[in-house]
Amino acid sequence: MDGIRSTMNTNRKRISGRLEHLPRGAAIVTDAGDHWVLEGYEPSNDDFGFEVTAEGVVVGFDRLRVEWLGQVPA
């Protein structure tokens, strides 16, 4: 791979848990009790309370800039 550099973003994260509406906005609460505030994602009221998985880039201590989010099948 002459001249090509492959870089991985080590700030990428995949998180699973329950989608909740907290005072700081939409967040995923993991089984371990961690709270991840979601940036760049505005869920409808029908989305809250479901188990979801999100992937994105960590942009703060407990913030995830969401690239995709999907509901975990029951």
PDB file of N, CA and C in Angstrom:
ATOM      1  N   MET A   1       0.833  -1.183   0.000  1.00  0.00           N
ATOM      2  CA  MET A   1       0.000   0.000   0.000  1.00  0.00           C
ATOM      3  C   MET A   1       0.872   1.239   0.000  1.00  0.00           C
ATOM      4  N   ASP A   2       1.512   1.486  -1.099  1.00  0.00           N
ATOM      5  CA  ASP A   2       2.380   2.649  -1.208  1.00  0.00           C
ATOM      6  C   ASP A   2       1.575   3.938  -1.085  1.00  0.00           C
ATOM      7  N   GLY A   3       1.978   4.767  -0.157  1.00  0.00           N
ATOM      8  CA  GLY A   3       1.378   6.081  -0.007  1.00  0.00           C
ATOM      9  C   GLY A   3       0.018   6.086   0.666  1.00  0.00           C
ATOM     10  N   ILE A   4      -0.477   4.930   1.012  1.00  0.00           N
ATOM     11  CA  ILE A   4      -1.786   4.865   1.658  1.00  0.00           C
ATOM     12  C   ILE A   4      -1.591   4.559   3.128  1.00  0.00           C
ATOM     13  N   ARG A   5      -2.220   5.370   3.947  1.00  0.00           N
ATOM     14  CA  ARG A   5      -2.153   5.134   5.393  1.00  0.00           C
ATOM     15  C   ARG A   5      -3.533   4.771   5.897  1.00  0.00           C
ATOM     16  N   SER A   6      -3.576   3.735   6.649  1.00  0.00           N
ATOM     17  CA  SER A   6      -4.831   3.311   7.253  1.00  0.00           C
ATOM     18  C   SER A   6      -4.839   3.784   8.695  1.00  0.00           C
ATOM     19  N   THR A   7      -5.828   4.595   9.028  1.00  0.00           N
ATOM     20  CA  THR A   7      -5.927   5.070  10.402  1.00  0.00           C
ATOM     21  C   THR A   7      -7.249   4.598  10.986  1.00  0.00           C
ATOM     22  N   MET A   8      -7.186   4.161  12.210  1.00  0.00           N
ATOM     23  CA  MET A   8      -8.397   3.767  12.919  1.00  0.00           C
ATOM     24  C   MET A   8      -8.695   4.809  13.979  1.00  0.00           C
ATOM     25  N   ASN A   9      -9.937   5.157  14.073  1.00  0.00           N
ATOM     26  CA  ASN A   9     -10.349   6.093  15.100  1.00  0.00           C
ATOM     27  C   ASN A   9     -10.571   5.297  16.383  1.00  0.00           C
ATOM     28  N   THR A  10      -9.723   5.495  17.362  1.00  0.00           N
ATOM     29  CA  THR A  10      -9.832   4.737  18.607  1.00  0.00           C
ATOM     30  C   THR A  10     -10.950   5.271  19.487  1.00  0.00           C
ATOM     31  N   ASN A  11     -11.599   6.367  19.068  1.00  0.00           N
ATOM     32  CA  ASN A  11     -12.706   6.919  19.837  1.00  0.00           C
ATOM     33  C   ASN A  11     -14.049   6.322  19.428  1.00  0.00           C
ATOM     34  N   ARG A  12     -14.055   5.367  18.503  1.00  0.00           N
ATOM     35  CA  ARG A  12     -15.303   4.727  18.086  1.00  0.00           C
ATOM     36  C   ARG A  12     -15.780   3.788  19.190  1.00  0.00           C
ATOM     37  N   LYS A  13     -17.109   3.728  19.345  1.00  0.00           N
ATOM     38  CA  LYS A  13     -17.664   2.886  20.403  1.00  0.00           C
ATOM     39  C   LYS A  13     -19.027   2.381  19.963  1.00  0.00           C
ATOM     40  N   ARG A  14     -19.327   1.154  20.353  1.00  0.00           N
ATOM     41  CA  ARG A  14     -20.659   0.572  20.164  1.00  0.00           C
ATOM     42  C   ARG A  14     -21.227   0.325  21.552  1.00  0.00           C
ATOM     43  N   ILE A  15     -22.436   0.844  21.777  1.00  0.00           N
ATOM     44  CA  ILE A  15     -23.052   0.802  23.101  1.00  0.00           C
ATOM     45  C   ILE A  15     -24.452   0.208  22.982  1.00  0.00           C
ATOM     46  N   SER A  16     -24.786  -0.664  23.921  1.00  0.00           N
ATOM     47  CA  SER A  16     -26.135  -1.236  23.977  1.00  0.00           C
ATOM     48  C   SER A  16     -26.738  -0.959  25.339  1.00  0.00           C
ATOM     49  N   GLY A  17     -28.044  -0.721  25.340  1.00  0.00           N
ATOM     50  CA  GLY A  17     -28.751  -0.487  26.589  1.00  0.00           C
ATOM     51  C   GLY A  17     -30.138   0.052  26.319  1.00  0.00           C
ATOM     52  N   ARG A  18     -30.768   0.572  27.350  1.00  0.00           N
ATOM     53  CA  ARG A  18     -32.128   1.103  27.260  1.00  0.00           C
ATOM     54  C   ARG A  18     -32.085   2.586  26.905  1.00  0.00           C
ATOM     55  N   LEU A  19     -32.883   2.979  25.913  1.00  0.00           N
ATOM     56  CA  LEU A  19     -32.956   4.376  25.498  1.00  0.00           C
ATOM     57  C   LEU A  19     -33.879   5.124  26.455  1.00  0.00           C
ATOM     58  N   GLU A  20     -33.355   6.173  27.085  1.00  0.00           N
ATOM     59  CA  GLU A  20     -34.126   6.948  28.055  1.00  0.00           C
ATOM     60  C   GLU A  20     -34.010   8.435  27.757  1.00  0.00           C
ATOM     61  N   HIS A  21     -34.999   9.172  28.262  1.00  0.00           N
ATOM     62  CA  HIS A  21     -34.953  10.639  28.151  1.00  0.00           C
ATOM     63  C   HIS A  21     -34.524  11.176  29.513  1.00  0.00           C
ATOM     64  N   LEU A  22     -33.318  11.709  29.582  1.00  0.00           N
ATOM     65  CA  LEU A  22     -32.767  12.256  30.821  1.00  0.00           C
ATOM     66  C   LEU A  22     -32.743  13.777  30.731  1.00  0.00           C
ATOM     67  N   PRO A  23     -32.499  14.482  31.825  1.00  0.00           N
ATOM     68  CA  PRO A  23     -32.452  15.950  31.781  1.00  0.00           C
ATOM     69  C   PRO A  23     -31.455  16.502  30.749  1.00  0.00           C
ATOM     70  N   ARG A  24     -30.396  15.753  30.451  1.00  0.00           N
ATOM     71  CA  ARG A  24     -29.395  16.223  29.482  1.00  0.00           C
ATOM     72  C   ARG A  24     -29.712  15.787  28.059  1.00  0.00           C
ATOM     73  N   GLY A  25     -30.833  15.101  27.863  1.00  0.00           N
ATOM     74  CA  GLY A  25     -31.241  14.679  26.527  1.00  0.00           C
ATOM     75  C   GLY A  25     -31.381  13.171  26.433  1.00  0.00           C
ATOM     76  N   ALA A  26     -31.522  12.689  25.199  1.00  0.00           N
ATOM     77  CA  ALA A  26     -31.645  11.256  24.964  1.00  0.00           C
ATOM     78  C   ALA A  26     -30.344  10.567  25.357  1.00  0.00           C
ATOM     79  N   ALA A  27     -30.470   9.419  26.002  1.00  0.00           N
ATOM     80  CA  ALA A  27     -29.281   8.707  26.475  1.00  0.00           C
ATOM     81  C   ALA A  27     -29.544   7.214  26.475  1.00  0.00           C
ATOM     82  N   ILE A  28     -28.465   6.463  26.369  1.00  0.00           N
ATOM     83  CA  ILE A  28     -28.520   5.024  26.554  1.00  0.00           C
ATOM     84  C   ILE A  28     -28.002   4.728  27.950  1.00  0.00           C
ATOM     85  N   VAL A  29     -28.773   3.930  28.690  1.00  0.00           N
ATOM     86  CA  VAL A  29     -28.361   3.476  30.012  1.00  0.00           C
ATOM     87  C   VAL A  29     -28.021   1.999  29.870  1.00  0.00           C
ATOM     88  N   THR A  30     -26.757   1.657  30.107  1.00  0.00           N
ATOM     89  CA  THR A  30     -26.292   0.282  29.939  1.00  0.00           C
ATOM     90  C   THR A  30     -26.697  -0.574  31.139  1.00  0.00           C
ATOM     91  N   ASP A  31     -26.550  -1.886  30.996  1.00  0.00           N
ATOM     92  CA  ASP A  31     -26.836  -2.807  32.105  1.00  0.00           C
ATOM     93  C   ASP A  31     -25.937  -2.526  33.304  1.00  0.00           C
ATOM     94  N   ALA A  32     -24.739  -2.001  33.049  1.00  0.00           N
ATOM     95  CA  ALA A  32     -23.806  -1.672  34.130  1.00  0.00           C
ATOM     96  C   ALA A  32     -24.156  -0.350  34.812  1.00  0.00           C
ATOM     97  N   GLY A  33     -25.159   0.371  34.279  1.00  0.00           N
ATOM     98  CA  GLY A  33     -25.564   1.641  34.872  1.00  0.00           C
ATOM     99  C   GLY A  33     -24.880   2.859  34.281  1.00  0.00           C
ATOM    100  N   ASP A  34     -24.063   2.666  33.246  1.00  0.00           N
ATOM    101  CA  ASP A  34     -23.419   3.807  32.588  1.00  0.00           C
ATOM    102  C   ASP A  34     -24.448   4.572  31.768  1.00  0.00           C
ATOM    103  N   HIS A  35     -24.300   5.893  31.727  1.00  0.00           N
ATOM    104  CA  HIS A  35     -25.181   6.756  30.945  1.00  0.00           C
ATOM    105  C   HIS A  35     -24.389   7.364  29.801  1.00  0.00           C
ATOM    106  N   TRP A  36     -24.876   7.211  28.574  1.00  0.00           N
ATOM    107  CA  TRP A  36     -24.243   7.803  27.399  1.00  0.00           C
ATOM    108  C   TRP A  36     -25.237   8.746  26.737  1.00  0.00           C
ATOM    109  N   VAL A  37     -24.962  10.050  26.799  1.00  0.00           N
ATOM    110  CA  VAL A  37     -25.815  11.056  26.173  1.00  0.00           C
ATOM    111  C   VAL A  37     -25.550  11.016  24.665  1.00  0.00           C
ATOM    112  N   LEU A  38     -26.628  11.002  23.886  1.00  0.00           N
ATOM    113  CA  LEU A  38     -26.514  10.856  22.438  1.00  0.00           C
ATOM    114  C   LEU A  38     -26.557  12.211  21.745  1.00  0.00           C
ATOM    115  N   GLU A  39     -25.589  12.454  20.883  1.00  0.00           N
ATOM    116  CA  GLU A  39     -25.556  13.669  20.070  1.00  0.00           C
ATOM    117  C   GLU A  39     -25.870  13.299  18.630  1.00  0.00           C
ATOM    118  N   GLY A  40     -26.592  14.171  17.953  1.00  0.00           N
ATOM    119  CA  GLY A  40     -26.888  13.947  16.543  1.00  0.00           C
ATOM    120  C   GLY A  40     -28.005  12.947  16.317  1.00  0.00           C
ATOM    121  N   TYR A  41     -28.807  12.691  17.345  1.00  0.00           N
ATOM    122  CA  TYR A  41     -29.921  11.754  17.214  1.00  0.00           C
ATOM    123  C   TYR A  41     -31.096  12.283  18.021  1.00  0.00           C
ATOM    124  N   GLU A  42     -32.225  12.472  17.352  1.00  0.00           N
ATOM    125  CA  GLU A  42     -33.440  12.942  18.012  1.00  0.00           C
ATOM    126  C   GLU A  42     -34.510  11.866  17.900  1.00  0.00           C
ATOM    127  N   PRO A  43     -34.660  11.046  18.934  1.00  0.00           N
ATOM    128  CA  PRO A  43     -35.657   9.973  18.865  1.00  0.00           C
ATOM    129  C   PRO A  43     -37.078  10.507  19.002  1.00  0.00           C
ATOM    130  N   SER A  44     -38.030   9.745  18.487  1.00  0.00           N
ATOM    131  CA  SER A  44     -39.431  10.094  18.719  1.00  0.00           C
ATOM    132  C   SER A  44     -39.805   9.575  20.109  1.00  0.00           C
ATOM    133  N   ASN A  45     -40.907  10.045  20.632  1.00  0.00           N
ATOM    134  CA  ASN A  45     -41.340   9.609  21.965  1.00  0.00           C
ATOM    135  C   ASN A  45     -41.595   8.112  22.015  1.00  0.00           C
ATOM    136  N   ASP A  46     -41.926   7.496  20.875  1.00  0.00           N
ATOM    137  CA  ASP A  46     -42.194   6.060  20.830  1.00  0.00           C
ATOM    138  C   ASP A  46     -40.926   5.222  20.982  1.00  0.00           C
ATOM    139  N   ASP A  47     -39.759   5.819  20.787  1.00  0.00           N
ATOM    140  CA  ASP A  47     -38.489   5.083  20.855  1.00  0.00           C
ATOM    141  C   ASP A  47     -37.998   4.844  22.280  1.00  0.00           C
ATOM    142  N   PHE A  48     -38.417   5.682  23.219  1.00  0.00           N
ATOM    143  CA  PHE A  48     -37.905   5.591  24.586  1.00  0.00           C
ATOM    144  C   PHE A  48     -38.393   4.327  25.284  1.00  0.00           C
ATOM    145  N   GLY A  49     -37.503   3.739  26.082  1.00  0.00           N
ATOM    146  CA  GLY A  49     -37.839   2.559  26.857  1.00  0.00           C
ATOM    147  C   GLY A  49     -37.430   1.255  26.198  1.00  0.00           C
ATOM    148  N   PHE A  50     -36.996   1.311  24.954  1.00  0.00           N
ATOM    149  CA  PHE A  50     -36.597   0.098  24.243  1.00  0.00           C
ATOM    150  C   PHE A  50     -35.099  -0.142  24.351  1.00  0.00           C
ATOM    151  N   GLU A  51     -34.709  -1.408  24.215  1.00  0.00           N
ATOM    152  CA  GLU A  51     -33.293  -1.771  24.168  1.00  0.00           C
ATOM    153  C   GLU A  51     -32.764  -1.442  22.777  1.00  0.00           C
ATOM    154  N   VAL A  52     -31.629  -0.724  22.725  1.00  0.00           N
ATOM    155  CA  VAL A  52     -31.049  -0.296  21.457  1.00  0.00           C
ATOM    156  C   VAL A  52     -29.542  -0.535  21.459  1.00  0.00           C
ATOM    157  N   THR A  53     -28.977  -0.493  20.282  1.00  0.00           N
ATOM    158  CA  THR A  53     -27.529  -0.488  20.108  1.00  0.00           C
ATOM    159  C   THR A  53     -27.198   0.718  19.238  1.00  0.00           C
ATOM    160  N   ALA A  54     -26.185   1.475  19.642  1.00  0.00           N
ATOM    161  CA  ALA A  54     -25.747   2.642  18.880  1.00  0.00           C
ATOM    162  C   ALA A  54     -24.250   2.547  18.645  1.00  0.00           C
ATOM    163  N   GLU A  55     -23.828   3.103  17.525  1.00  0.00           N
ATOM    164  CA  GLU A  55     -22.398   3.186  17.240  1.00  0.00           C
ATOM    165  C   GLU A  55     -22.086   4.607  16.833  1.00  0.00           C
ATOM    166  N   GLY A  56     -20.915   5.069  17.256  1.00  0.00           N
ATOM    167  CA  GLY A  56     -20.506   6.419  16.915  1.00  0.00           C
ATOM    168  C   GLY A  56     -19.138   6.736  17.475  1.00  0.00           C
ATOM    169  N   VAL A  57     -18.896   8.030  17.617  1.00  0.00           N
ATOM    170  CA  VAL A  57     -17.606   8.521  18.077  1.00  0.00           C
ATOM    171  C   VAL A  57     -17.789   9.204  19.429  1.00  0.00           C
ATOM    172  N   VAL A  58     -16.941   8.858  20.375  1.00  0.00           N
ATOM    173  CA  VAL A  58     -16.965   9.488  21.696  1.00  0.00           C
ATOM    174  C   VAL A  58     -16.488  10.930  21.532  1.00  0.00           C
ATOM    175  N   VAL A  59     -17.319  11.885  21.980  1.00  0.00           N
ATOM    176  CA  VAL A  59     -16.974  13.305  21.825  1.00  0.00           C
ATOM    177  C   VAL A  59     -16.921  14.030  23.168  1.00  0.00           C
ATOM    178  N   GLY A  60     -16.946  13.289  24.222  1.00  0.00           N
ATOM    179  CA  GLY A  60     -16.868  13.859  25.556  1.00  0.00           C
ATOM    180  C   GLY A  60     -16.788  12.728  26.554  1.00  0.00           C
ATOM    181  N   PHE A  61     -16.766  13.078  27.818  1.00  0.00           N
ATOM    182  CA  PHE A  61     -16.632  12.071  28.865  1.00  0.00           C
ATOM    183  C   PHE A  61     -17.718  11.000  28.778  1.00  0.00           C
ATOM    184  N   ASP A  62     -18.956  11.434  28.499  1.00  0.00           N
ATOM    185  CA  ASP A  62     -20.074  10.491  28.436  1.00  0.00           C
ATOM    186  C   ASP A  62     -21.006  10.805  27.264  1.00  0.00           C
ATOM    187  N   ARG A  63     -20.427  11.294  26.185  1.00  0.00           N
ATOM    188  CA  ARG A  63     -21.227  11.657  25.007  1.00  0.00           C
ATOM    189  C   ARG A  63     -20.797  10.859  23.797  1.00  0.00           C
ATOM    190  N   LEU A  64     -21.798  10.451  23.019  1.00  0.00           N
ATOM    191  CA  LEU A  64     -21.556   9.685  21.809  1.00  0.00           C
ATOM    192  C   LEU A  64     -22.238  10.386  20.643  1.00  0.00           C
ATOM    193  N   ARG A  65     -21.437  10.765  19.618  1.00  0.00           N
ATOM    194  CA  ARG A  65     -22.009  11.321  18.388  1.00  0.00           C
ATOM    195  C   ARG A  65     -22.459  10.128  17.547  1.00  0.00           C
ATOM    196  N   VAL A  66     -23.759   9.941  17.445  1.00  0.00           N
ATOM    197  CA  VAL A  66     -24.350   8.742  16.859  1.00  0.00           C
ATOM    198  C   VAL A  66     -24.212   8.738  15.342  1.00  0.00           C
ATOM    199  N   GLU A  67     -23.711   7.617  14.817  1.00  0.00           N
ATOM    200  CA  GLU A  67     -23.673   7.405  13.371  1.00  0.00           C
ATOM    201  C   GLU A  67     -24.801   6.480  12.940  1.00  0.00           C
ATOM    202  N   TRP A  68     -25.146   5.538  13.796  1.00  0.00           N
ATOM    203  CA  TRP A  68     -26.340   4.722  13.560  1.00  0.00           C
ATOM    204  C   TRP A  68     -26.851   4.194  14.886  1.00  0.00           C
ATOM    205  N   LEU A  69     -28.154   3.930  14.915  1.00  0.00           N
ATOM    206  CA  LEU A  69     -28.802   3.408  16.111  1.00  0.00           C
ATOM    207  C   LEU A  69     -29.917   2.473  15.660  1.00  0.00           C
ATOM    208  N   GLY A  70     -30.008   1.323  16.291  1.00  0.00           N
ATOM    209  CA  GLY A  70     -31.057   0.372  15.955  1.00  0.00           C
ATOM    210  C   GLY A  70     -31.613  -0.300  17.190  1.00  0.00           C
ATOM    211  N   GLN A  71     -32.873  -0.698  17.087  1.00  0.00           N
ATOM    212  CA  GLN A  71     -33.522  -1.372  18.193  1.00  0.00           C
ATOM    213  C   GLN A  71     -33.074  -2.833  18.231  1.00  0.00           C
ATOM    214  N   VAL A  72     -32.843  -3.342  19.443  1.00  0.00           N
ATOM    215  CA  VAL A  72     -32.447  -4.740  19.618  1.00  0.00           C
ATOM    216  C   VAL A  72     -33.716  -5.585  19.514  1.00  0.00           C
ATOM    217  N   PRO A  73     -33.707  -6.613  18.676  1.00  0.00           N
ATOM    218  CA  PRO A  73     -34.904  -7.457  18.553  1.00  0.00           C
ATOM    219  C   PRO A  73     -35.251  -8.133  19.868  1.00  0.00           C
ATOM    220  N   ALA A  74     -36.547  -8.207  20.133  1.00  0.00           N
ATOM    221  CA  ALA A  74     -37.012  -8.816  21.398  1.00  0.00           C
ATOM    222  C   ALA A  74     -36.919 -10.327  21.364  1.00  0.00           C
TER     223      ALA A  74
END
